[in-house]
Amino acid sequence: MSPTQAPTEEDPWEATGDDWETAATSIGEKIDWRETPQFRGIFIRLDTTATEAGEELPILSFKDTNGQDRFAWLSPDLRTAFKHIPPLSQVQITHLGKEDIGRGRTVNRFDVKYKAPAEG
């Protein structure tokens, strides 16, 4: 059977063995800035997640220092910073608090530092 053919009753196959990898099926745990005012990890990518209503919302995906999947909702500061940060960079995100932007609305403010991955 060719690698692009689907299995059949006559020629079944199972995804077992060393040449198969398990794909992630979760975006991980949300970073709670009240509990974790400073996050360190590896930036994976800008991604989206669907709400229960089916709306797609932008998120940033990370691996924390323990290798666990984590994510953060986008804010103006994070959106601006991560436009310039390449995937697989080491990052340190410090939550600076909430800023009142008027009309009863607030926005989270952050300081973001990164170290790009070595080329090669």
N, C-alpha and C. Protein backbone atom coordinates (compact mmCIF):
# COMPACT_ATOMS: atom_id res chain seq x y z
N MET A 1 0.86 -1.18 0.00
CA MET A 1 0.00 0.00 0.00
C MET A 1 0.90 1.24 0.00
N SER A 2 0.54 2.21 -0.80
CA SER A 2 1.31 3.46 -0.88
C SER A 2 0.98 4.32 0.34
N PRO A 3 1.91 5.22 0.76
CA PRO A 3 1.66 6.06 1.93
C PRO A 3 0.47 7.00 1.77
N THR A 4 0.02 7.23 0.54
CA THR A 4 -1.11 8.14 0.34
C THR A 4 -2.44 7.41 0.21
N GLN A 5 -2.42 6.08 0.25
CA GLN A 5 -3.66 5.32 0.16
C GLN A 5 -4.28 5.12 1.54
N ALA A 6 -5.59 5.15 1.59
CA ALA A 6 -6.30 4.87 2.82
C ALA A 6 -6.34 3.36 3.04
N PRO A 7 -6.45 2.92 4.30
CA PRO A 7 -6.54 1.49 4.56
C PRO A 7 -7.85 0.91 4.03
N THR A 8 -7.82 -0.35 3.69
CA THR A 8 -9.02 -1.06 3.24
C THR A 8 -9.20 -2.29 4.10
N GLU A 9 -10.35 -2.97 3.95
CA GLU A 9 -10.56 -4.21 4.72
C GLU A 9 -9.50 -5.24 4.35
N GLU A 10 -9.15 -5.29 3.07
CA GLU A 10 -8.17 -6.27 2.60
C GLU A 10 -6.75 -5.92 3.03
N ASP A 11 -6.48 -4.63 3.22
CA ASP A 11 -5.13 -4.18 3.54
C ASP A 11 -5.18 -3.15 4.68
N PRO A 12 -5.54 -3.56 5.90
CA PRO A 12 -5.64 -2.60 7.01
C PRO A 12 -4.26 -2.19 7.51
N TRP A 13 -4.20 -1.07 8.19
CA TRP A 13 -2.96 -0.66 8.85
C TRP A 13 -3.29 0.03 10.15
N GLU A 14 -2.34 0.03 11.05
CA GLU A 14 -2.50 0.72 12.32
C GLU A 14 -1.36 1.71 12.48
N ALA A 15 -1.64 2.80 13.18
CA ALA A 15 -0.63 3.83 13.43
C ALA A 15 0.18 3.42 14.66
N THR A 16 1.09 2.50 14.46
CA THR A 16 1.94 2.04 15.56
C THR A 16 3.38 2.04 15.08
N GLY A 17 4.28 1.98 16.01
CA GLY A 17 5.69 1.91 15.67
C GLY A 17 6.40 3.24 15.88
N ASP A 18 7.69 3.21 15.66
CA ASP A 18 8.53 4.37 15.93
C ASP A 18 8.36 5.52 14.94
N ASP A 19 7.85 5.24 13.76
CA ASP A 19 7.76 6.30 12.75
C ASP A 19 6.45 7.10 12.83
N TRP A 20 5.63 6.87 13.86
CA TRP A 20 4.38 7.62 14.06
C TRP A 20 4.53 8.54 15.25
N GLU A 21 3.99 9.75 15.13
CA GLU A 21 3.99 10.70 16.24
C GLU A 21 2.56 11.01 16.63
N THR A 22 2.36 11.41 17.87
CA THR A 22 1.04 11.79 18.34
C THR A 22 0.87 13.30 18.19
N ALA A 23 -0.20 13.70 17.54
CA ALA A 23 -0.47 15.13 17.33
C ALA A 23 -1.16 15.71 18.56
N ALA A 24 -0.81 16.95 18.89
CA ALA A 24 -1.44 17.63 20.02
C ALA A 24 -2.92 17.87 19.70
N THR A 25 -3.76 17.64 20.69
CA THR A 25 -5.20 17.85 20.50
C THR A 25 -5.74 18.91 21.46
N SER A 26 -4.84 19.58 22.17
CA SER A 26 -5.25 20.60 23.12
C SER A 26 -4.34 21.81 22.97
N ILE A 27 -4.90 22.99 23.25
CA ILE A 27 -4.07 24.19 23.20
C ILE A 27 -3.39 24.44 24.54
N GLY A 28 -3.68 23.61 25.52
CA GLY A 28 -3.03 23.73 26.82
C GLY A 28 -3.80 24.63 27.77
N GLU A 29 -3.13 24.97 28.83
CA GLU A 29 -3.74 25.77 29.90
C GLU A 29 -3.51 27.26 29.63
N LYS A 30 -4.55 28.05 29.89
CA LYS A 30 -4.45 29.51 29.71
C LYS A 30 -3.51 30.08 30.78
N ILE A 31 -2.69 31.02 30.39
CA ILE A 31 -1.83 31.72 31.35
C ILE A 31 -2.71 32.70 32.12
N ASP A 32 -2.80 32.52 33.42
CA ASP A 32 -3.56 33.44 34.28
C ASP A 32 -2.57 34.45 34.83
N TRP A 33 -2.66 35.68 34.35
CA TRP A 33 -1.67 36.70 34.69
C TRP A 33 -1.72 37.09 36.16
N ARG A 34 -2.83 36.85 36.84
CA ARG A 34 -2.89 37.12 38.30
C ARG A 34 -2.05 36.10 39.06
N GLU A 35 -2.07 34.85 38.61
CA GLU A 35 -1.30 33.79 39.27
C GLU A 35 0.13 33.71 38.76
N THR A 36 0.34 34.08 37.51
CA THR A 36 1.66 34.00 36.87
C THR A 36 1.98 35.35 36.24
N PRO A 37 2.38 36.33 37.06
CA PRO A 37 2.63 37.66 36.50
C PRO A 37 3.86 37.72 35.58
N GLN A 38 4.72 36.69 35.66
CA GLN A 38 5.84 36.62 34.73
C GLN A 38 5.90 35.20 34.17
N PHE A 39 5.79 35.09 32.86
CA PHE A 39 5.80 33.80 32.19
C PHE A 39 7.07 33.68 31.37
N ARG A 40 7.70 32.51 31.44
CA ARG A 40 8.87 32.20 30.62
C ARG A 40 8.60 30.91 29.86
N GLY A 41 8.99 30.91 28.59
CA GLY A 41 8.79 29.71 27.79
C GLY A 41 9.25 29.92 26.37
N ILE A 42 8.77 29.03 25.49
CA ILE A 42 9.11 29.07 24.08
C ILE A 42 7.85 29.46 23.30
N PHE A 43 7.97 30.50 22.48
CA PHE A 43 6.86 30.92 21.63
C PHE A 43 6.73 29.94 20.48
N ILE A 44 5.53 29.38 20.32
CA ILE A 44 5.30 28.42 19.24
C ILE A 44 4.70 29.11 18.01
N ARG A 45 3.56 29.77 18.18
CA ARG A 45 2.92 30.40 17.02
C ARG A 45 1.73 31.25 17.44
N LEU A 46 1.31 32.12 16.54
CA LEU A 46 0.04 32.81 16.65
C LEU A 46 -0.99 31.83 16.09
N ASP A 47 -2.07 31.62 16.82
CA ASP A 47 -3.04 30.59 16.47
C ASP A 47 -4.44 31.13 16.72
N THR A 48 -5.43 30.31 16.56
CA THR A 48 -6.80 30.67 16.93
C THR A 48 -7.43 29.51 17.68
N THR A 49 -8.45 29.82 18.44
CA THR A 49 -9.25 28.80 19.10
C THR A 49 -10.71 29.20 18.95
N ALA A 50 -11.57 28.21 18.93
CA ALA A 50 -12.99 28.48 18.74
C ALA A 50 -13.70 28.55 20.09
N THR A 51 -14.61 29.51 20.21
CA THR A 51 -15.45 29.61 21.40
C THR A 51 -16.58 28.59 21.26
N GLU A 52 -17.35 28.43 22.32
CA GLU A 52 -18.50 27.53 22.26
C GLU A 52 -19.49 27.99 21.20
N ALA A 53 -19.52 29.29 20.92
CA ALA A 53 -20.42 29.82 19.89
C ALA A 53 -19.84 29.68 18.48
N GLY A 54 -18.63 29.13 18.37
CA GLY A 54 -18.00 28.93 17.07
C GLY A 54 -17.19 30.10 16.56
N GLU A 55 -17.05 31.14 17.38
CA GLU A 55 -16.25 32.31 16.99
C GLU A 55 -14.77 31.99 17.14
N GLU A 56 -13.96 32.34 16.13
CA GLU A 56 -12.51 32.12 16.18
C GLU A 56 -11.83 33.31 16.86
N LEU A 57 -11.08 33.04 17.91
CA LEU A 57 -10.36 34.09 18.63
C LEU A 57 -8.86 33.85 18.54
N PRO A 58 -8.06 34.92 18.36
CA PRO A 58 -6.61 34.75 18.26
C PRO A 58 -5.98 34.48 19.62
N ILE A 59 -5.00 33.59 19.62
CA ILE A 59 -4.24 33.26 20.82
C ILE A 59 -2.76 33.15 20.44
N LEU A 60 -1.91 33.21 21.44
CA LEU A 60 -0.49 32.91 21.29
C LEU A 60 -0.23 31.57 21.96
N SER A 61 0.44 30.66 21.26
CA SER A 61 0.75 29.33 21.80
C SER A 61 2.20 29.28 22.25
N PHE A 62 2.41 28.64 23.41
CA PHE A 62 3.74 28.53 24.02
C PHE A 62 3.97 27.13 24.57
N LYS A 63 5.22 26.81 24.85
CA LYS A 63 5.62 25.70 25.72
C LYS A 63 6.24 26.36 26.93
N ASP A 64 5.79 25.99 28.13
CA ASP A 64 6.39 26.57 29.33
C ASP A 64 7.71 25.88 29.64
N THR A 65 8.36 26.25 30.71
CA THR A 65 9.69 25.70 31.04
C THR A 65 9.63 24.23 31.42
N ASN A 66 8.43 23.70 31.65
CA ASN A 66 8.25 22.27 31.93
C ASN A 66 7.82 21.51 30.68
N GLY A 67 7.74 22.20 29.53
CA GLY A 67 7.36 21.55 28.29
C GLY A 67 5.86 21.42 28.10
N GLN A 68 5.07 22.06 28.96
CA GLN A 68 3.62 21.98 28.86
C GLN A 68 3.08 23.04 27.89
N ASP A 69 2.01 22.68 27.16
CA ASP A 69 1.36 23.64 26.26
C ASP A 69 0.63 24.69 27.09
N ARG A 70 0.80 25.94 26.72
CA ARG A 70 0.12 27.07 27.37
C ARG A 70 -0.33 28.04 26.29
N PHE A 71 -1.30 28.89 26.61
CA PHE A 71 -1.72 29.90 25.65
C PHE A 71 -2.09 31.18 26.37
N ALA A 72 -2.08 32.27 25.61
CA ALA A 72 -2.48 33.59 26.11
C ALA A 72 -3.40 34.22 25.08
N TRP A 73 -4.45 34.89 25.59
CA TRP A 73 -5.31 35.68 24.72
C TRP A 73 -4.49 36.87 24.22
N LEU A 74 -4.76 37.31 23.02
CA LEU A 74 -4.07 38.46 22.46
C LEU A 74 -4.56 39.76 23.10
N SER A 75 -3.64 40.66 23.36
CA SER A 75 -3.95 42.02 23.80
C SER A 75 -3.18 42.94 22.85
N PRO A 76 -3.46 44.24 22.87
CA PRO A 76 -2.72 45.13 21.96
C PRO A 76 -1.19 45.02 22.14
N ASP A 77 -0.71 44.99 23.39
CA ASP A 77 0.74 44.89 23.62
C ASP A 77 1.30 43.58 23.06
N LEU A 78 0.62 42.47 23.33
CA LEU A 78 1.12 41.17 22.87
C LEU A 78 1.05 41.06 21.36
N ARG A 79 -0.02 41.55 20.77
CA ARG A 79 -0.14 41.52 19.30
C ARG A 79 1.02 42.28 18.66
N THR A 80 1.32 43.48 19.17
CA THR A 80 2.41 44.28 18.62
C THR A 80 3.75 43.59 18.81
N ALA A 81 4.02 43.08 20.00
CA ALA A 81 5.31 42.45 20.28
C ALA A 81 5.53 41.20 19.43
N PHE A 82 4.52 40.35 19.35
CA PHE A 82 4.72 39.06 18.69
C PHE A 82 4.68 39.14 17.17
N LYS A 83 4.40 40.31 16.61
CA LYS A 83 4.56 40.49 15.17
C LYS A 83 6.04 40.42 14.80
N HIS A 84 6.91 40.70 15.78
CA HIS A 84 8.34 40.80 15.53
C HIS A 84 9.14 39.63 16.12
N ILE A 85 8.48 38.70 16.78
CA ILE A 85 9.18 37.61 17.46
C ILE A 85 9.03 36.33 16.64
N PRO A 86 10.15 35.74 16.23
CA PRO A 86 10.05 34.52 15.42
C PRO A 86 9.63 33.32 16.27
N PRO A 87 8.91 32.36 15.67
CA PRO A 87 8.58 31.14 16.38
C PRO A 87 9.85 30.46 16.91
N LEU A 88 9.69 29.76 18.01
CA LEU A 88 10.74 29.02 18.73
C LEU A 88 11.69 29.92 19.51
N SER A 89 11.34 31.20 19.61
CA SER A 89 12.12 32.12 20.45
C SER A 89 11.84 31.86 21.92
N GLN A 90 12.86 32.06 22.75
CA GLN A 90 12.65 32.07 24.20
C GLN A 90 12.00 33.41 24.54
N VAL A 91 10.97 33.38 25.39
CA VAL A 91 10.29 34.63 25.73
C VAL A 91 10.12 34.76 27.23
N GLN A 92 10.10 36.00 27.67
CA GLN A 92 9.75 36.35 29.04
C GLN A 92 8.70 37.45 28.94
N ILE A 93 7.50 37.15 29.45
CA ILE A 93 6.39 38.10 29.39
C ILE A 93 6.05 38.50 30.82
N THR A 94 6.12 39.80 31.09
CA THR A 94 5.80 40.31 32.42
C THR A 94 4.52 41.13 32.33
N HIS A 95 3.54 40.73 33.13
CA HIS A 95 2.27 41.45 33.17
C HIS A 95 2.46 42.70 34.03
N LEU A 96 2.21 43.86 33.45
CA LEU A 96 2.41 45.13 34.14
C LEU A 96 1.13 45.63 34.81
N GLY A 97 0.04 44.93 34.60
CA GLY A 97 -1.24 45.32 35.19
C GLY A 97 -2.23 45.73 34.12
N LYS A 98 -3.37 46.20 34.59
CA LYS A 98 -4.44 46.65 33.69
C LYS A 98 -4.43 48.17 33.61
N GLU A 99 -4.69 48.67 32.42
CA GLU A 99 -4.78 50.11 32.22
C GLU A 99 -6.23 50.45 31.86
N ASP A 100 -6.77 51.47 32.51
CA ASP A 100 -8.12 51.94 32.21
C ASP A 100 -8.05 52.73 30.91
N ILE A 101 -8.83 52.31 29.92
CA ILE A 101 -8.82 53.01 28.64
C ILE A 101 -10.13 53.76 28.40
N GLY A 102 -10.90 53.92 29.45
CA GLY A 102 -12.12 54.73 29.36
C GLY A 102 -13.37 53.92 29.11
N ARG A 103 -14.49 54.54 29.44
CA ARG A 103 -15.80 53.92 29.25
C ARG A 103 -15.92 52.57 29.94
N GLY A 104 -15.24 52.43 31.08
CA GLY A 104 -15.31 51.20 31.85
C GLY A 104 -14.52 50.03 31.28
N ARG A 105 -13.67 50.30 30.30
CA ARG A 105 -12.87 49.23 29.70
C ARG A 105 -11.42 49.30 30.18
N THR A 106 -10.81 48.12 30.27
CA THR A 106 -9.40 48.03 30.64
C THR A 106 -8.67 47.17 29.61
N VAL A 107 -7.36 47.31 29.59
CA VAL A 107 -6.52 46.50 28.72
C VAL A 107 -5.31 46.05 29.54
N ASN A 108 -4.90 44.79 29.35
CA ASN A 108 -3.71 44.27 30.01
C ASN A 108 -2.47 44.85 29.33
N ARG A 109 -1.50 45.25 30.13
CA ARG A 109 -0.23 45.78 29.62
C ARG A 109 0.89 44.81 29.97
N PHE A 110 1.87 44.70 29.05
CA PHE A 110 2.94 43.71 29.20
C PHE A 110 4.28 44.29 28.78
N ASP A 111 5.34 43.74 29.37
CA ASP A 111 6.71 43.94 28.91
C ASP A 111 7.14 42.59 28.35
N VAL A 112 7.63 42.56 27.11
CA VAL A 112 7.99 41.30 26.46
C VAL A 112 9.45 41.35 26.04
N LYS A 113 10.19 40.34 26.46
CA LYS A 113 11.59 40.19 26.06
C LYS A 113 11.72 38.85 25.35
N TYR A 114 12.65 38.75 24.40
CA TYR A 114 12.82 37.48 23.70
C TYR A 114 14.26 37.30 23.25
N LYS A 115 14.57 36.03 23.00
CA LYS A 115 15.84 35.64 22.42
C LYS A 115 15.52 34.72 21.26
N ALA A 116 15.81 35.19 20.05
CA ALA A 116 15.50 34.42 18.85
C ALA A 116 16.29 33.13 18.82
N PRO A 117 15.74 32.10 18.19
CA PRO A 117 16.48 30.83 18.10
C PRO A 117 17.74 31.01 17.25
N ALA A 118 18.74 30.23 17.57
CA ALA A 118 19.98 30.27 16.79
C ALA A 118 19.70 29.78 15.38
N GLU A 119 20.27 30.44 14.41
CA GLU A 119 20.09 30.01 13.01
C GLU A 119 21.04 28.88 12.71
N GLY A 120 20.56 28.01 11.82
CA GLY A 120 21.46 26.94 11.40
C GLY A 120 20.95 25.65 11.63
